Amino acid sequence: MKTVELVNVVERSEHCENFNILDLETRTNIPVGGFAKVCASGERFWVKIVTNEAGKYTGKVSNNLLLTSHHELKHGDIICFDVRHIFDVDESP
């Protein structure tokens, strides 16, 4: 499992007027097999949910990434994150 610093969308929304985030319930209840969009080093990407324990997630990076040299993540890596890191959700399995 890789550790990476992800963007906190809650903090971002507090400092940017035009930045809207999904409601807490949506960000907390993503099913296993669904997808969450997160951001590291300026690159947003999808993560397939492997586990969800009350809004604390483990997921598998589901994109080929362009900025791997900055954040050291690549397609298939497993990461941990929580509701404060989620930009978008796709609940389709």
Protein backbone atom coordinates (compact mmCIF):
# COMPACT_ATOMS: atom_id res chain seq x y z
CA MET A 1 0.00 0.00 0.00
CA LYS A 2 1.32 3.44 -0.93
CA THR A 3 1.11 6.54 1.22
CA VAL A 4 0.54 9.77 -0.68
CA GLU A 5 -0.54 13.28 0.25
CA LEU A 6 -3.95 13.92 -1.27
CA VAL A 7 -5.76 17.25 -1.68
CA ASN A 8 -8.28 17.99 1.07
CA VAL A 9 -11.46 19.06 -0.76
CA VAL A 10 -13.08 20.37 2.42
CA GLU A 11 -10.25 22.85 2.98
CA ARG A 12 -10.23 23.75 -0.71
CA SER A 13 -13.96 24.53 -0.62
CA GLU A 14 -13.46 26.81 2.40
CA HIS A 15 -10.88 28.91 0.52
CA CYS A 16 -12.38 28.95 -2.98
CA GLU A 17 -15.81 30.49 -3.54
CA ASN A 18 -16.45 28.63 -6.79
CA PHE A 19 -15.31 25.22 -5.56
CA ASN A 20 -18.23 22.96 -4.62
CA ILE A 21 -17.94 19.54 -3.00
CA LEU A 22 -20.32 16.62 -2.81
CA ASP A 23 -22.39 16.28 0.36
CA LEU A 24 -20.91 14.25 3.23
CA GLU A 25 -23.42 11.41 2.90
CA THR A 26 -22.45 10.82 -0.74
CA ARG A 27 -18.74 10.92 0.08
CA THR A 28 -19.20 8.54 3.05
CA ASN A 29 -21.31 5.86 1.37
CA ILE A 30 -19.47 4.83 -1.79
CA PRO A 31 -19.99 1.08 -2.22
CA VAL A 32 -17.22 -1.42 -2.72
CA GLY A 33 -16.69 -1.59 -6.49
CA GLY A 34 -17.67 2.07 -6.94
CA PHE A 35 -15.19 4.83 -7.79
CA ALA A 36 -13.95 7.97 -6.08
CA LYS A 37 -12.00 10.77 -7.77
CA VAL A 38 -9.08 12.09 -5.69
CA CYS A 39 -6.14 14.41 -6.40
CA ALA A 40 -2.39 14.23 -5.73
CA SER A 41 0.23 16.72 -6.96
CA GLY A 42 -2.25 18.45 -9.25
CA GLU A 43 -3.47 15.27 -10.94
CA ARG A 44 -7.04 14.04 -10.42
CA PHE A 45 -7.68 10.35 -10.90
CA TRP A 46 -10.19 7.58 -10.21
CA VAL A 47 -9.75 4.99 -7.48
CA LYS A 48 -11.85 1.80 -7.37
CA ILE A 49 -13.14 1.20 -3.84
CA VAL A 50 -11.85 -2.02 -2.26
CA THR A 51 -13.02 -1.35 1.32
CA ASN A 52 -15.23 1.27 2.97
CA GLU A 53 -15.19 1.49 6.74
CA ALA A 54 -17.41 4.44 7.69
CA GLY A 55 -15.91 6.75 5.06
CA LYS A 56 -12.32 5.53 5.42
CA TYR A 57 -11.44 3.90 2.14
CA THR A 58 -8.90 1.61 0.58
CA GLY A 59 -8.86 1.71 -3.19
CA LYS A 60 -6.97 0.77 -6.33
CA VAL A 61 -5.76 3.51 -8.70
CA SER A 62 -7.76 3.00 -11.90
CA ASN A 63 -6.09 5.41 -14.33
CA ASN A 64 -2.80 5.62 -16.17
CA LEU A 65 -1.25 8.67 -14.52
CA LEU A 66 0.85 11.42 -16.10
CA LEU A 67 2.55 12.86 -13.01
CA THR A 68 3.92 9.65 -11.48
CA SER A 69 7.31 11.31 -11.01
CA HIS A 70 5.64 13.84 -8.66
CA HIS A 71 3.43 11.60 -6.54
CA GLU A 72 4.94 8.15 -7.25
CA LEU A 73 1.55 6.57 -7.94
CA LYS A 74 0.70 4.38 -10.92
CA HIS A 75 -2.23 2.36 -12.24
CA GLY A 76 -3.01 -0.53 -9.88
CA ASP A 77 -1.46 0.95 -6.72
CA ILE A 78 -3.47 0.58 -3.52
CA ILE A 79 -4.00 3.74 -1.44
CA CYS A 80 -5.93 4.78 1.66
CA PHE A 81 -8.01 7.95 1.85
CA ASP A 82 -11.15 9.33 3.45
CA VAL A 83 -14.17 11.51 2.74
CA ARG A 84 -12.19 14.77 2.87
CA HIS A 85 -10.21 13.70 -0.23
CA ILE A 86 -13.13 12.89 -2.57
CA PHE A 87 -13.79 15.25 -5.50
CA ASP A 88 -16.33 13.11 -7.32
CA VAL A 89 -18.08 9.73 -7.12
CA ASP A 90 -19.17 7.11 -9.62
CA GLU A 91 -21.08 4.31 -7.91
CA SER A 92 -21.24 2.10 -11.01
CA PRO A 93 -19.53 -1.23 -10.33
